[in-house]
Amino acid sequence: MVKLSTRSQLHSRMSSFVDWIRAGDKDDIIIKQSQEIRDRIRSQAEADGLTVRSTPNSGSFAKKTGLRRHLQGHSYVEGQDVDLPFVVSPRDEDGARIDELLRRFARYAQTSYPETSRTPTRSSIQLDFVGTKLRYDLVPMLAVPGDDFAQVLLRSNGERRHTSVQKHIEFVTARSGKSNLLAGRVRFNDCVRLLKWWREFRVDGARVLKDVPSMLLDLLCAHAYDRLEVEETYAGTLSRWFSLLAGTVRKRERVAFSDFARIPAASGNAVWTVLDPVNPENNVVSQWDKFQVEELAEWLEEGCDSINRALAADLRGDDVASLESLVELFGNPFRNHCEVDG
């Protein structure tokens, strides 16, 4: 395979696009507003009889994998949510029920931000701020006695899932840190961003696959990175990643990691298995059927074809065809935000 030059038009375009989709222009606002929300909600919770053990950083903002919010034309990307976990030790049995906790946190949010839009989900309360155009998820979690780096996430269906916010952050940032040591500007977390952006434009026209969770993309990208690392160009990296992941999904190969726990023996009747590295008992695609798995494989195969067409066009000097293949991959915003200075 011919190696793409870092001086190529294709690499310059993709580098500019990566710089644009980063959601870093509001970091200071997010940090300040997050702390204000934490202080207000924590005060309400403790006045209501809950003991808030911690409010750890979480989500794409903490992992540095968040996307820019883009709502123009027919190209909708909601952008990054900012997860705000509240790890609590309830003083009564009712306080350990998710419906009760969500009702309480909805009340705290209403009292603290009466003019702000609030939406309950199956495990959080969403706050949407019009002024800053930012969304925050208030996520009540239960503390695990004797372990400050473990929590229990409650679901509206009654599920109680053991997890660790801190370890999930470490899982991504450790790989980003390792990629920082490699030649070139390509970083693991930026490749996660590219796959998340690509996901947004595939879900929009999906047959059966209406949701591909960010956690699943984190794990698939980690699977690709652990085997292939990153190259000096984004296109070269994605070409290899798409190819590997297409084969992984098409063959329904199990995806598992040994970062924090021993990989368990294969078990269960799920169509496909992608294990949570923090809690290997959690198969994050346990509810998927064969049609969803097949559609994801198709997306990855088509992504591989698109990036390889862009590479081939760039190598023969056809910048127009290369650009069209990248627009096919990342949507029309790529055309408008891949300008090369000079």
C-alpha atoms as a PDB file:
ATOM      1  CA  MET A   1       0.000   0.000   0.000  1.00  0.00           C
ATOM      2  CA  VAL A   2       1.330   3.459  -0.954  1.00  0.00           C
ATOM      3  CA  LYS A   3       1.816   5.696   2.067  1.00  0.00           C
ATOM      4  CA  LEU A   4       0.037   9.063   1.891  1.00  0.00           C
ATOM      5  CA  SER A   5       2.255  12.120   2.317  1.00  0.00           C
ATOM      6  CA  THR A   6       1.580  14.511   5.197  1.00  0.00           C
ATOM      7  CA  ARG A   7       2.006  17.299   2.589  1.00  0.00           C
ATOM      8  CA  SER A   8      -0.880  16.014   0.474  1.00  0.00           C
ATOM      9  CA  GLN A   9      -4.059  17.976  -0.183  1.00  0.00           C
ATOM     10  CA  LEU A  10      -6.066  15.133   1.340  1.00  0.00           C
ATOM     11  CA  HIS A  11      -4.195  15.243   4.647  1.00  0.00           C
ATOM     12  CA  SER A  12      -4.425  19.037   4.785  1.00  0.00           C
ATOM     13  CA  ARG A  13      -8.165  18.907   4.215  1.00  0.00           C
ATOM     14  CA  MET A  14      -8.754  16.265   6.860  1.00  0.00           C
ATOM     15  CA  SER A  15      -6.512  18.091   9.340  1.00  0.00           C
ATOM     16  CA  SER A  16      -8.526  21.281   8.861  1.00  0.00           C
ATOM     17  CA  PHE A  17     -11.783  19.364   9.308  1.00  0.00           C
ATOM     18  CA  VAL A  18     -10.540  17.709  12.510  1.00  0.00           C
ATOM     19  CA  ASP A  19      -9.609  21.122  13.888  1.00  0.00           C
ATOM     20  CA  TRP A  20     -13.110  22.366  13.063  1.00  0.00           C
ATOM     21  CA  ILE A  21     -15.132  19.496  14.571  1.00  0.00           C
ATOM     22  CA  ARG A  22     -13.304  19.746  17.902  1.00  0.00           C
ATOM     23  CA  ALA A  23     -15.597  21.281  20.489  1.00  0.00           C
ATOM     24  CA  GLY A  24     -12.783  23.142  22.227  1.00  0.00           C
ATOM     25  CA  ASP A  25     -14.005  26.701  21.732  1.00  0.00           C
ATOM     26  CA  LYS A  26     -16.286  26.457  24.787  1.00  0.00           C
ATOM     27  CA  ASP A  27     -13.988  24.653  27.224  1.00  0.00           C
ATOM     28  CA  ASP A  28     -13.754  27.581  29.663  1.00  0.00           C
ATOM     29  CA  ILE A  29     -17.536  28.089  29.576  1.00  0.00           C
ATOM     30  CA  ILE A  30     -18.175  24.377  30.179  1.00  0.00           C
ATOM     31  CA  ILE A  31     -15.769  24.211  33.112  1.00  0.00           C
ATOM     32  CA  LYS A  32     -17.320  27.272  34.761  1.00  0.00           C
ATOM     33  CA  GLN A  33     -20.940  26.288  34.115  1.00  0.00           C
ATOM     34  CA  SER A  34     -20.344  22.660  35.139  1.00  0.00           C
ATOM     35  CA  GLN A  35     -18.995  23.750  38.505  1.00  0.00           C
ATOM     36  CA  GLU A  36     -21.929  26.085  39.040  1.00  0.00           C
ATOM     37  CA  ILE A  37     -24.401  23.266  38.258  1.00  0.00           C
ATOM     38  CA  ARG A  38     -22.538  20.867  40.551  1.00  0.00           C
ATOM     39  CA  ASP A  39     -22.629  23.351  43.426  1.00  0.00           C
ATOM     40  CA  ARG A  40     -26.326  24.162  43.030  1.00  0.00           C
ATOM     41  CA  ILE A  41     -27.540  20.583  42.567  1.00  0.00           C
ATOM     42  CA  ARG A  42     -25.302  19.243  45.317  1.00  0.00           C
ATOM     43  CA  SER A  43     -26.654  21.836  47.739  1.00  0.00           C
ATOM     44  CA  GLN A  44     -30.236  20.837  46.881  1.00  0.00           C
ATOM     45  CA  ALA A  45     -29.476  17.114  47.203  1.00  0.00           C
ATOM     46  CA  GLU A  46     -27.775  17.410  50.572  1.00  0.00           C
ATOM     47  CA  ALA A  47     -30.566  19.616  51.911  1.00  0.00           C
ATOM     48  CA  ASP A  48     -32.930  16.811  50.814  1.00  0.00           C
ATOM     49  CA  GLY A  49     -31.117  14.170  52.855  1.00  0.00           C
ATOM     50  CA  LEU A  50     -28.705  12.711  50.285  1.00  0.00           C
ATOM     51  CA  THR A  51     -24.986  12.462  50.865  1.00  0.00           C
ATOM     52  CA  VAL A  52     -23.119  13.355  47.660  1.00  0.00           C
ATOM     53  CA  ARG A  53     -19.849  11.422  47.775  1.00  0.00           C
ATOM     54  CA  SER A  54     -18.354  12.823  44.556  1.00  0.00           C
ATOM     55  CA  THR A  55     -19.109  14.482  41.235  1.00  0.00           C
ATOM     56  CA  PRO A  56     -16.407  13.072  38.914  1.00  0.00           C
ATOM     57  CA  ASN A  57     -15.695  14.331  35.412  1.00  0.00           C
ATOM     58  CA  SER A  58     -17.336  12.185  32.770  1.00  0.00           C
ATOM     59  CA  GLY A  59     -18.423  11.904  29.145  1.00  0.00           C
ATOM     60  CA  SER A  60     -16.927  13.106  25.888  1.00  0.00           C
ATOM     61  CA  PHE A  61     -15.800  16.423  27.394  1.00  0.00           C
ATOM     62  CA  ALA A  62     -13.586  14.626  29.904  1.00  0.00           C
ATOM     63  CA  LYS A  63     -12.354  12.179  27.239  1.00  0.00           C
ATOM     64  CA  LYS A  64     -11.675  15.009  24.750  1.00  0.00           C
ATOM     65  CA  THR A  65     -13.787  13.259  22.116  1.00  0.00           C
ATOM     66  CA  GLY A  66     -16.637  15.770  21.968  1.00  0.00           C
ATOM     67  CA  LEU A  67     -18.022  17.202  18.723  1.00  0.00           C
ATOM     68  CA  ARG A  68     -18.901  20.706  17.673  1.00  0.00           C
ATOM     69  CA  ARG A  69     -22.627  21.463  17.625  1.00  0.00           C
ATOM     70  CA  HIS A  70     -23.796  21.904  14.011  1.00  0.00           C
ATOM     71  CA  LEU A  71     -27.466  22.491  13.197  1.00  0.00           C
ATOM     72  CA  GLN A  72     -27.378  24.127   9.773  1.00  0.00           C
ATOM     73  CA  GLY A  73     -29.189  23.033   6.629  1.00  0.00           C
ATOM     74  CA  HIS A  74     -29.896  19.308   6.628  1.00  0.00           C
ATOM     75  CA  SER A  75     -26.647  18.472   8.455  1.00  0.00           C
ATOM     76  CA  TYR A  76     -27.551  18.051  12.114  1.00  0.00           C
ATOM     77  CA  VAL A  77     -24.967  17.171  14.759  1.00  0.00           C
ATOM     78  CA  GLU A  78     -26.163  17.875  18.287  1.00  0.00           C
ATOM     79  CA  GLY A  79     -22.621  18.175  19.613  1.00  0.00           C
ATOM     80  CA  GLN A  80     -21.209  16.969  22.883  1.00  0.00           C
ATOM     81  CA  ASP A  81     -23.267  16.470  26.012  1.00  0.00           C
ATOM     82  CA  VAL A  82     -21.535  17.171  29.295  1.00  0.00           C
ATOM     83  CA  ASP A  83     -22.200  14.354  31.759  1.00  0.00           C
ATOM     84  CA  LEU A  84     -22.343  15.377  35.413  1.00  0.00           C
ATOM     85  CA  PRO A  85     -22.519  12.293  37.653  1.00  0.00           C
ATOM     86  CA  PHE A  86     -23.676  12.742  41.246  1.00  0.00           C
ATOM     87  CA  VAL A  87     -22.488   9.749  43.275  1.00  0.00           C
ATOM     88  CA  VAL A  88     -24.778   9.545  46.280  1.00  0.00           C
ATOM     89  CA  SER A  89     -25.271   7.499  49.428  1.00  0.00           C
ATOM     90  CA  PRO A  90     -29.018   7.672  50.061  1.00  0.00           C
ATOM     91  CA  ARG A  91     -30.209   7.646  53.661  1.00  0.00           C
ATOM     92  CA  ASP A  92     -33.275   5.544  52.952  1.00  0.00           C
ATOM     93  CA  GLU A  93     -34.230   2.617  50.743  1.00  0.00           C
ATOM     94  CA  ASP A  94     -36.452   4.719  48.466  1.00  0.00           C
ATOM     95  CA  GLY A  95     -33.457   6.884  47.641  1.00  0.00           C
ATOM     96  CA  ALA A  96     -31.809   3.884  45.962  1.00  0.00           C
ATOM     97  CA  ARG A  97     -34.602   3.578  43.379  1.00  0.00           C
ATOM     98  CA  ILE A  98     -33.960   5.227  40.028  1.00  0.00           C
ATOM     99  CA  ASP A  99     -37.498   6.588  39.676  1.00  0.00           C
ATOM    100  CA  GLU A 100     -37.234   8.243  43.066  1.00  0.00           C
ATOM    101  CA  LEU A 101     -33.738   9.555  42.394  1.00  0.00           C
ATOM    102  CA  LEU A 102     -34.745  10.977  39.011  1.00  0.00           C
ATOM    103  CA  ARG A 103     -37.784  12.666  40.554  1.00  0.00           C
ATOM    104  CA  ARG A 104     -35.563  14.204  43.196  1.00  0.00           C
ATOM    105  CA  PHE A 105     -32.972  15.399  40.704  1.00  0.00           C
ATOM    106  CA  ALA A 106     -35.673  16.776  38.417  1.00  0.00           C
ATOM    107  CA  ARG A 107     -36.922  18.777  41.409  1.00  0.00           C
ATOM    108  CA  TYR A 108     -33.403  20.011  42.198  1.00  0.00           C
ATOM    109  CA  ALA A 109     -32.962  21.088  38.576  1.00  0.00           C
ATOM    110  CA  GLN A 110     -36.306  22.877  38.519  1.00  0.00           C
ATOM    111  CA  THR A 111     -35.499  24.755  41.713  1.00  0.00           C
ATOM    112  CA  SER A 112     -31.987  25.674  40.579  1.00  0.00           C
ATOM    113  CA  TYR A 113     -32.807  26.462  36.922  1.00  0.00           C
ATOM    114  CA  PRO A 114     -36.561  27.202  36.622  1.00  0.00           C
ATOM    115  CA  GLU A 115     -36.204  28.849  33.181  1.00  0.00           C
ATOM    116  CA  THR A 116     -34.060  26.085  31.657  1.00  0.00           C
ATOM    117  CA  SER A 117     -35.467  23.224  29.569  1.00  0.00           C
ATOM    118  CA  ARG A 118     -35.362  19.915  31.453  1.00  0.00           C
ATOM    119  CA  THR A 119     -35.867  16.439  29.959  1.00  0.00           C
ATOM    120  CA  PRO A 120     -35.822  13.141  31.898  1.00  0.00           C
ATOM    121  CA  THR A 121     -34.140  10.114  30.287  1.00  0.00           C
ATOM    122  CA  ARG A 122     -33.969   6.548  31.568  1.00  0.00           C
ATOM    123  CA  SER A 123     -30.988   7.407  33.807  1.00  0.00           C
ATOM    124  CA  SER A 124     -30.525  11.202  33.810  1.00  0.00           C
ATOM    125  CA  ILE A 125     -32.043  14.666  33.716  1.00  0.00           C
ATOM    126  CA  GLN A 126     -31.002  16.760  30.718  1.00  0.00           C
ATOM    127  CA  LEU A 127     -30.541  20.493  31.097  1.00  0.00           C
ATOM    128  CA  ASP A 128     -30.471  22.526  27.861  1.00  0.00           C
ATOM    129  CA  PHE A 129     -29.105  26.059  28.183  1.00  0.00           C
ATOM    130  CA  VAL A 130     -30.192  28.417  25.410  1.00  0.00           C
ATOM    131  CA  GLY A 131     -27.538  31.056  26.071  1.00  0.00           C
ATOM    132  CA  THR A 132     -24.474  28.823  25.917  1.00  0.00           C
ATOM    133  CA  LYS A 133     -26.161  26.254  23.614  1.00  0.00           C
ATOM    134  CA  LEU A 134     -24.877  23.483  25.853  1.00  0.00           C
ATOM    135  CA  ARG A 135     -26.571  20.363  27.221  1.00  0.00           C
ATOM    136  CA  TYR A 136     -25.723  18.836  30.573  1.00  0.00           C
ATOM    137  CA  ASP A 137     -26.832  15.406  31.807  1.00  0.00           C
ATOM    138  CA  LEU A 138     -27.361  15.114  35.557  1.00  0.00           C
ATOM    139  CA  VAL A 139     -26.710  11.435  36.289  1.00  0.00           C
ATOM    140  CA  PRO A 140     -27.494  10.171  39.809  1.00  0.00           C
ATOM    141  CA  MET A 141     -25.389   7.123  40.709  1.00  0.00           C
ATOM    142  CA  LEU A 142     -24.995   5.071  43.866  1.00  0.00           C
ATOM    143  CA  ALA A 143     -21.717   4.961  45.741  1.00  0.00           C
ATOM    144  CA  VAL A 144     -19.986   1.609  46.300  1.00  0.00           C
ATOM    145  CA  PRO A 145     -18.844   1.328  49.929  1.00  0.00           C
ATOM    146  CA  GLY A 146     -15.077   1.133  50.229  1.00  0.00           C
ATOM    147  CA  ASP A 147     -14.341   1.969  46.582  1.00  0.00           C
ATOM    148  CA  ASP A 148     -14.143   5.634  45.557  1.00  0.00           C
ATOM    149  CA  PHE A 149     -13.571   4.657  41.910  1.00  0.00           C
ATOM    150  CA  ALA A 150     -16.700   2.535  41.497  1.00  0.00           C
ATOM    151  CA  GLN A 151     -20.369   3.407  41.089  1.00  0.00           C
ATOM    152  CA  VAL A 152     -23.705   1.749  40.417  1.00  0.00           C
ATOM    153  CA  LEU A 153     -25.612   3.164  37.447  1.00  0.00           C
ATOM    154  CA  LEU A 154     -29.366   2.765  37.749  1.00  0.00           C
ATOM    155  CA  ARG A 155     -31.646   2.266  34.741  1.00  0.00           C
ATOM    156  CA  SER A 156     -35.371   2.895  34.492  1.00  0.00           C
ATOM    157  CA  ASN A 157     -35.896  -0.796  33.661  1.00  0.00           C
ATOM    158  CA  GLY A 158     -34.609  -1.728  37.116  1.00  0.00           C
ATOM    159  CA  GLU A 159     -31.089  -2.668  36.003  1.00  0.00           C
ATOM    160  CA  ARG A 160     -28.262  -1.833  38.418  1.00  0.00           C
ATOM    161  CA  ARG A 161     -24.978  -1.775  36.528  1.00  0.00           C
ATOM    162  CA  HIS A 162     -21.608  -1.623  38.279  1.00  0.00           C
ATOM    163  CA  THR A 163     -19.256   0.765  36.530  1.00  0.00           C
ATOM    164  CA  SER A 164     -16.458   3.288  37.043  1.00  0.00           C
ATOM    165  CA  VAL A 165     -16.637   6.753  35.534  1.00  0.00           C
ATOM    166  CA  GLN A 166     -12.946   7.303  36.236  1.00  0.00           C
ATOM    167  CA  LYS A 167     -11.828   4.069  34.572  1.00  0.00           C
ATOM    168  CA  HIS A 168     -13.880   4.762  31.440  1.00  0.00           C
ATOM    169  CA  ILE A 169     -12.125   8.116  31.140  1.00  0.00           C
ATOM    170  CA  GLU A 170      -8.748   6.460  31.682  1.00  0.00           C
ATOM    171  CA  PHE A 171      -9.542   3.829  29.033  1.00  0.00           C
ATOM    172  CA  VAL A 172      -9.755   6.529  26.338  1.00  0.00           C
ATOM    173  CA  THR A 173      -7.207   9.046  27.604  1.00  0.00           C
ATOM    174  CA  ALA A 174      -4.521   6.350  28.049  1.00  0.00           C
ATOM    175  CA  ARG A 175      -4.747   5.526  24.347  1.00  0.00           C
ATOM    176  CA  SER A 176      -4.763   9.199  23.412  1.00  0.00           C
ATOM    177  CA  GLY A 177      -1.636   9.631  25.515  1.00  0.00           C
ATOM    178  CA  LYS A 178       0.111   6.734  23.790  1.00  0.00           C
ATOM    179  CA  SER A 179      -0.771   8.120  20.367  1.00  0.00           C
ATOM    180  CA  ASN A 180       0.783  11.450  21.389  1.00  0.00           C
ATOM    181  CA  LEU A 181       4.148   9.679  21.412  1.00  0.00           C
ATOM    182  CA  LEU A 182       3.868   8.601  17.775  1.00  0.00           C
ATOM    183  CA  ALA A 183       5.049  10.620  14.794  1.00  0.00           C
ATOM    184  CA  GLY A 184       2.633  13.093  13.221  1.00  0.00           C
ATOM    185  CA  ARG A 185      -0.438  14.941  14.462  1.00  0.00           C
ATOM    186  CA  VAL A 186      -2.942  12.061  14.357  1.00  0.00           C
ATOM    187  CA  ARG A 187      -4.283  11.269  17.819  1.00  0.00           C
ATOM    188  CA  PHE A 188      -6.542   8.483  19.045  1.00  0.00           C
ATOM    189  CA  ASN A 189      -9.189  10.839  20.436  1.00  0.00           C
ATOM    190  CA  ASP A 190      -9.380  12.808  17.181  1.00  0.00           C
ATOM    191  CA  CYS A 191      -9.967   9.578  15.265  1.00  0.00           C
ATOM    192  CA  VAL A 192     -12.794   8.805  17.702  1.00  0.00           C
ATOM    193  CA  ARG A 193     -14.219  12.233  16.836  1.00  0.00           C
ATOM    194  CA  LEU A 194     -14.077  11.449  13.119  1.00  0.00           C
ATOM    195  CA  LEU A 195     -15.892   8.136  13.636  1.00  0.00           C
ATOM    196  CA  LYS A 196     -18.522   9.839  15.806  1.00  0.00           C
ATOM    197  CA  TRP A 197     -19.111  12.479  13.116  1.00  0.00           C
ATOM    198  CA  TRP A 198     -19.314   9.750  10.454  1.00  0.00           C
ATOM    199  CA  ARG A 199     -21.839   7.919  12.669  1.00  0.00           C
ATOM    200  CA  GLU A 200     -24.139  10.964  12.785  1.00  0.00           C
ATOM    201  CA  PHE A 201     -24.556  10.974   9.001  1.00  0.00           C
ATOM    202  CA  ARG A 202     -25.049   7.224   8.733  1.00  0.00           C
ATOM    203  CA  VAL A 203     -27.726   6.968  11.439  1.00  0.00           C
ATOM    204  CA  ASP A 204     -29.773   9.620   9.636  1.00  0.00           C
ATOM    205  CA  GLY A 205     -30.475   7.245   6.751  1.00  0.00           C
ATOM    206  CA  ALA A 206     -30.410   3.948   8.628  1.00  0.00           C
ATOM    207  CA  ARG A 207     -32.724   1.034   7.864  1.00  0.00           C
ATOM    208  CA  VAL A 208     -32.750  -0.574  11.321  1.00  0.00           C
ATOM    209  CA  LEU A 209     -29.720   0.824  13.128  1.00  0.00           C
ATOM    210  CA  LYS A 210     -31.125   4.006  14.662  1.00  0.00           C
ATOM    211  CA  ASP A 211     -28.549   4.367  17.430  1.00  0.00           C
ATOM    212  CA  VAL A 212     -24.849   3.568  17.671  1.00  0.00           C
ATOM    213  CA  PRO A 213     -23.850   4.571  21.218  1.00  0.00           C
ATOM    214  CA  SER A 214     -20.701   6.607  21.705  1.00  0.00           C
ATOM    215  CA  MET A 215     -19.478   3.998  24.171  1.00  0.00           C
ATOM    216  CA  LEU A 216     -19.586   1.369  21.415  1.00  0.00           C
ATOM    217  CA  LEU A 217     -17.584   3.636  19.095  1.00  0.00           C
ATOM    218  CA  ASP A 218     -15.032   4.223  21.877  1.00  0.00           C
ATOM    219  CA  LEU A 219     -14.584   0.470  22.190  1.00  0.00           C
ATOM    220  CA  LEU A 220     -14.386  -0.213  18.454  1.00  0.00           C
ATOM    221  CA  CYS A 221     -11.836   2.555  17.999  1.00  0.00           C
ATOM    222  CA  ALA A 222      -9.812   1.158  20.908  1.00  0.00           C
ATOM    223  CA  HIS A 223      -9.979  -2.292  19.299  1.00  0.00           C
ATOM    224  CA  ALA A 224      -8.579  -0.822  16.066  1.00  0.00           C
ATOM    225  CA  TYR A 225      -5.934   1.268  17.835  1.00  0.00           C
ATOM    226  CA  ASP A 226      -4.678  -1.635  19.949  1.00  0.00           C
ATOM    227  CA  ARG A 227      -4.005  -3.593  16.764  1.00  0.00           C
ATOM    228  CA  LEU A 228      -2.980  -0.891  14.281  1.00  0.00           C
ATOM    229  CA  GLU A 229      -2.109   2.257  16.264  1.00  0.00           C
ATOM    230  CA  VAL A 230      -2.341   5.430  14.119  1.00  0.00           C
ATOM    231  CA  GLU A 231      -0.451   6.471  11.014  1.00  0.00           C
ATOM    232  CA  GLU A 232       0.903   9.962  10.261  1.00  0.00           C
ATOM    233  CA  THR A 233      -2.233  10.830   8.265  1.00  0.00           C
ATOM    234  CA  TYR A 234      -5.918  10.624   9.146  1.00  0.00           C
ATOM    235  CA  ALA A 235      -6.822   9.039   5.805  1.00  0.00           C
ATOM    236  CA  GLY A 236      -4.200   6.322   6.139  1.00  0.00           C
ATOM    237  CA  THR A 237      -5.339   5.599   9.683  1.00  0.00           C
ATOM    238  CA  LEU A 238      -9.055   5.446   8.842  1.00  0.00           C
ATOM    239  CA  SER A 239      -8.435   3.273   5.800  1.00  0.00           C
ATOM    240  CA  ARG A 240      -6.877   0.598   7.989  1.00  0.00           C
ATOM    241  CA  TRP A 241      -9.322   1.079  10.869  1.00  0.00           C
ATOM    242  CA  PHE A 242     -12.418   0.823   8.663  1.00  0.00           C
ATOM    243  CA  SER A 243     -11.040  -2.308   7.023  1.00  0.00           C
ATOM    244  CA  LEU A 244     -10.250  -4.000  10.345  1.00  0.00           C
ATOM    245  CA  LEU A 245     -13.547  -3.045  11.951  1.00  0.00           C
ATOM    246  CA  ALA A 246     -15.601  -4.081   8.918  1.00  0.00           C
ATOM    247  CA  GLY A 247     -14.080  -7.549   9.180  1.00  0.00           C
ATOM    248  CA  THR A 248     -14.533  -7.644  12.955  1.00  0.00           C
ATOM    249  CA  VAL A 249     -18.232  -6.842  12.720  1.00  0.00           C
ATOM    250  CA  ARG A 250     -18.954  -8.902   9.606  1.00  0.00           C
ATOM    251  CA  LYS A 251     -17.373 -11.976  11.239  1.00  0.00           C
ATOM    252  CA  ARG A 252     -18.959 -11.077  14.600  1.00  0.00           C
ATOM    253  CA  GLU A 253     -15.620 -11.381  16.331  1.00  0.00           C
ATOM    254  CA  ARG A 254     -15.739 -10.771  20.066  1.00  0.00           C
ATOM    255  CA  VAL A 255     -14.293  -7.433  21.185  1.00  0.00           C
ATOM    256  CA  ALA A 256     -12.810  -7.459  24.698  1.00  0.00           C
ATOM    257  CA  PHE A 257     -10.106  -5.701  26.708  1.00  0.00           C
ATOM    258  CA  SER A 258      -7.903  -6.546  29.672  1.00  0.00           C
ATOM    259  CA  ASP A 259      -7.229  -2.995  30.893  1.00  0.00           C
ATOM    260  CA  PHE A 260      -8.952  -3.428  34.263  1.00  0.00           C
ATOM    261  CA  ALA A 261     -10.196  -7.002  34.496  1.00  0.00           C
ATOM    262  CA  ARG A 262      -9.545 -10.501  33.221  1.00  0.00           C
ATOM    263  CA  ILE A 263     -11.363 -11.268  29.977  1.00  0.00           C
ATOM    264  CA  PRO A 264     -14.058 -13.866  30.753  1.00  0.00           C
ATOM    265  CA  ALA A 265     -14.708 -16.958  28.702  1.00  0.00           C
ATOM    266  CA  ALA A 266     -17.244 -16.603  25.913  1.00  0.00           C
ATOM    267  CA  SER A 267     -20.813 -17.172  27.041  1.00  0.00           C
ATOM    268  CA  GLY A 268     -24.412 -16.251  26.283  1.00  0.00           C
ATOM    269  CA  ASN A 269     -26.511 -16.278  23.143  1.00  0.00           C
ATOM    270  CA  ALA A 270     -26.012 -12.707  21.921  1.00  0.00           C
ATOM    271  CA  VAL A 271     -25.603 -12.191  18.165  1.00  0.00           C
ATOM    272  CA  TRP A 272     -22.390 -10.258  18.802  1.00  0.00           C
ATOM    273  CA  THR A 273     -20.280  -9.424  21.856  1.00  0.00           C
ATOM    274  CA  VAL A 274     -18.492  -6.185  22.743  1.00  0.00           C
ATOM    275  CA  LEU A 275     -17.511  -6.231  26.409  1.00  0.00           C
ATOM    276  CA  ASP A 276     -17.320  -3.208  28.675  1.00  0.00           C
ATOM    277  CA  PRO A 277     -13.664  -3.057  29.840  1.00  0.00           C
ATOM    278  CA  VAL A 278     -14.720  -1.838  33.286  1.00  0.00           C
ATOM    279  CA  ASN A 279     -17.469  -4.421  33.760  1.00  0.00           C
ATOM    280  CA  PRO A 280     -16.890  -7.436  31.455  1.00  0.00           C
ATOM    281  CA  GLU A 281     -20.300  -8.830  32.425  1.00  0.00           C
ATOM    282  CA  ASN A 282     -21.821  -6.001  30.407  1.00  0.00           C
ATOM    283  CA  ASN A 283     -22.092  -6.781  26.702  1.00  0.00           C
ATOM    284  CA  VAL A 284     -22.872  -3.351  25.241  1.00  0.00           C
ATOM    285  CA  VAL A 285     -24.559  -4.893  22.153  1.00  0.00           C
ATOM    286  CA  SER A 286     -26.434  -7.644  23.963  1.00  0.00           C
ATOM    287  CA  GLN A 287     -29.786  -6.364  22.635  1.00  0.00           C
ATOM    288  CA  TRP A 288     -28.725  -6.082  18.986  1.00  0.00           C
ATOM    289  CA  ASP A 289     -30.213  -8.420  16.409  1.00  0.00           C
ATOM    290  CA  LYS A 290     -28.489  -9.764  13.300  1.00  0.00           C
ATOM    291  CA  PHE A 291     -29.935  -7.037  11.085  1.00  0.00           C
ATOM    292  CA  GLN A 292     -28.390  -4.272  13.196  1.00  0.00           C
ATOM    293  CA  VAL A 293     -25.009  -6.015  13.211  1.00  0.00           C
ATOM    294  CA  GLU A 294     -25.161  -6.528   9.447  1.00  0.00           C
ATOM    295  CA  GLU A 295     -26.023  -2.877   8.841  1.00  0.00           C
ATOM    296  CA  LEU A 296     -23.082  -1.688  10.954  1.00  0.00           C
ATOM    297  CA  ALA A 297     -20.793  -3.980   8.954  1.00  0.00           C
ATOM    298  CA  GLU A 298     -22.167  -2.467   5.736  1.00  0.00           C
ATOM    299  CA  TRP A 299     -21.526   1.066   7.016  1.00  0.00           C
ATOM    300  CA  LEU A 300     -17.931   0.200   7.865  1.00  0.00           C
ATOM    301  CA  GLU A 301     -17.355  -1.472   4.500  1.00  0.00           C
ATOM    302  CA  GLU A 302     -18.771   1.551   2.688  1.00  0.00           C
ATOM    303  CA  GLY A 303     -16.630   3.830   4.858  1.00  0.00           C
ATOM    304  CA  CYS A 304     -13.579   1.826   3.866  1.00  0.00           C
ATOM    305  CA  ASP A 305     -14.522   2.154   0.194  1.00  0.00           C
ATOM    306  CA  SER A 306     -15.041   5.935   0.496  1.00  0.00           C
ATOM    307  CA  ILE A 307     -11.747   6.679   2.237  1.00  0.00           C
ATOM    308  CA  ASN A 308      -9.862   4.430  -0.192  1.00  0.00           C
ATOM    309  CA  ARG A 309     -11.438   6.237  -3.165  1.00  0.00           C
ATOM    310  CA  ALA A 310     -10.315   9.532  -1.617  1.00  0.00           C
ATOM    311  CA  LEU A 311      -6.797   8.149  -1.206  1.00  0.00           C
ATOM    312  CA  ALA A 312      -6.631   6.846  -4.758  1.00  0.00           C
ATOM    313  CA  ALA A 313      -7.922  10.135  -6.198  1.00  0.00           C
ATOM    314  CA  ASP A 314      -5.400  12.135  -4.166  1.00  0.00           C
ATOM    315  CA  LEU A 315      -2.520   9.968  -5.354  1.00  0.00           C
ATOM    316  CA  ARG A 316      -3.446  10.545  -9.003  1.00  0.00           C
ATOM    317  CA  GLY A 317      -3.878  14.279  -8.394  1.00  0.00           C
ATOM    318  CA  ASP A 318      -7.671  14.396  -8.752  1.00  0.00           C
ATOM    319  CA  ASP A 319      -8.550  16.776  -5.901  1.00  0.00           C
ATOM    320  CA  VAL A 320     -12.193  17.101  -6.978  1.00  0.00           C
ATOM    321  CA  ALA A 321     -12.858  13.353  -6.828  1.00  0.00           C
ATOM    322  CA  SER A 322     -10.971  13.094  -3.543  1.00  0.00           C
ATOM    323  CA  LEU A 323     -13.107  15.837  -2.007  1.00  0.00           C
ATOM    324  CA  GLU A 324     -16.354  14.234  -3.203  1.00  0.00           C
ATOM    325  CA  SER A 325     -15.397  10.933  -1.570  1.00  0.00           C
ATOM    326  CA  LEU A 326     -14.743  12.716   1.721  1.00  0.00           C
ATOM    327  CA  VAL A 327     -18.085  14.551   1.506  1.00  0.00           C
ATOM    328  CA  GLU A 328     -19.695  11.149   0.954  1.00  0.00           C
ATOM    329  CA  LEU A 329     -17.977   9.960   4.136  1.00  0.00           C
ATOM    330  CA  PHE A 330     -18.494  12.940   6.463  1.00  0.00           C
ATOM    331  CA  GLY A 331     -21.430  14.828   4.994  1.00  0.00           C
ATOM    332  CA  ASN A 332     -21.685  18.229   3.352  1.00  0.00           C
ATOM    333  CA  PRO A 333     -20.091  20.100   6.306  1.00  0.00           C
ATOM    334  CA  PHE A 334     -16.773  18.631   5.187  1.00  0.00           C
ATOM    335  CA  ARG A 335     -16.985  20.618   1.932  1.00  0.00           C
ATOM    336  CA  ASN A 336     -17.409  23.852   3.858  1.00  0.00           C
ATOM    337  CA  HIS A 337     -14.867  23.250   6.613  1.00  0.00           C
ATOM    338  CA  CYS A 338     -11.818  21.662   5.014  1.00  0.00           C
ATOM    339  CA  GLU A 339     -10.231  24.885   3.775  1.00  0.00           C
ATOM    340  CA  VAL A 340      -6.452  24.875   3.718  1.00  0.00           C
ATOM    341  CA  ASP A 341      -4.773  28.129   4.769  1.00  0.00           C
ATOM    342  CA  GLY A 342      -2.646  29.725   2.117  1.00  0.00           C
END
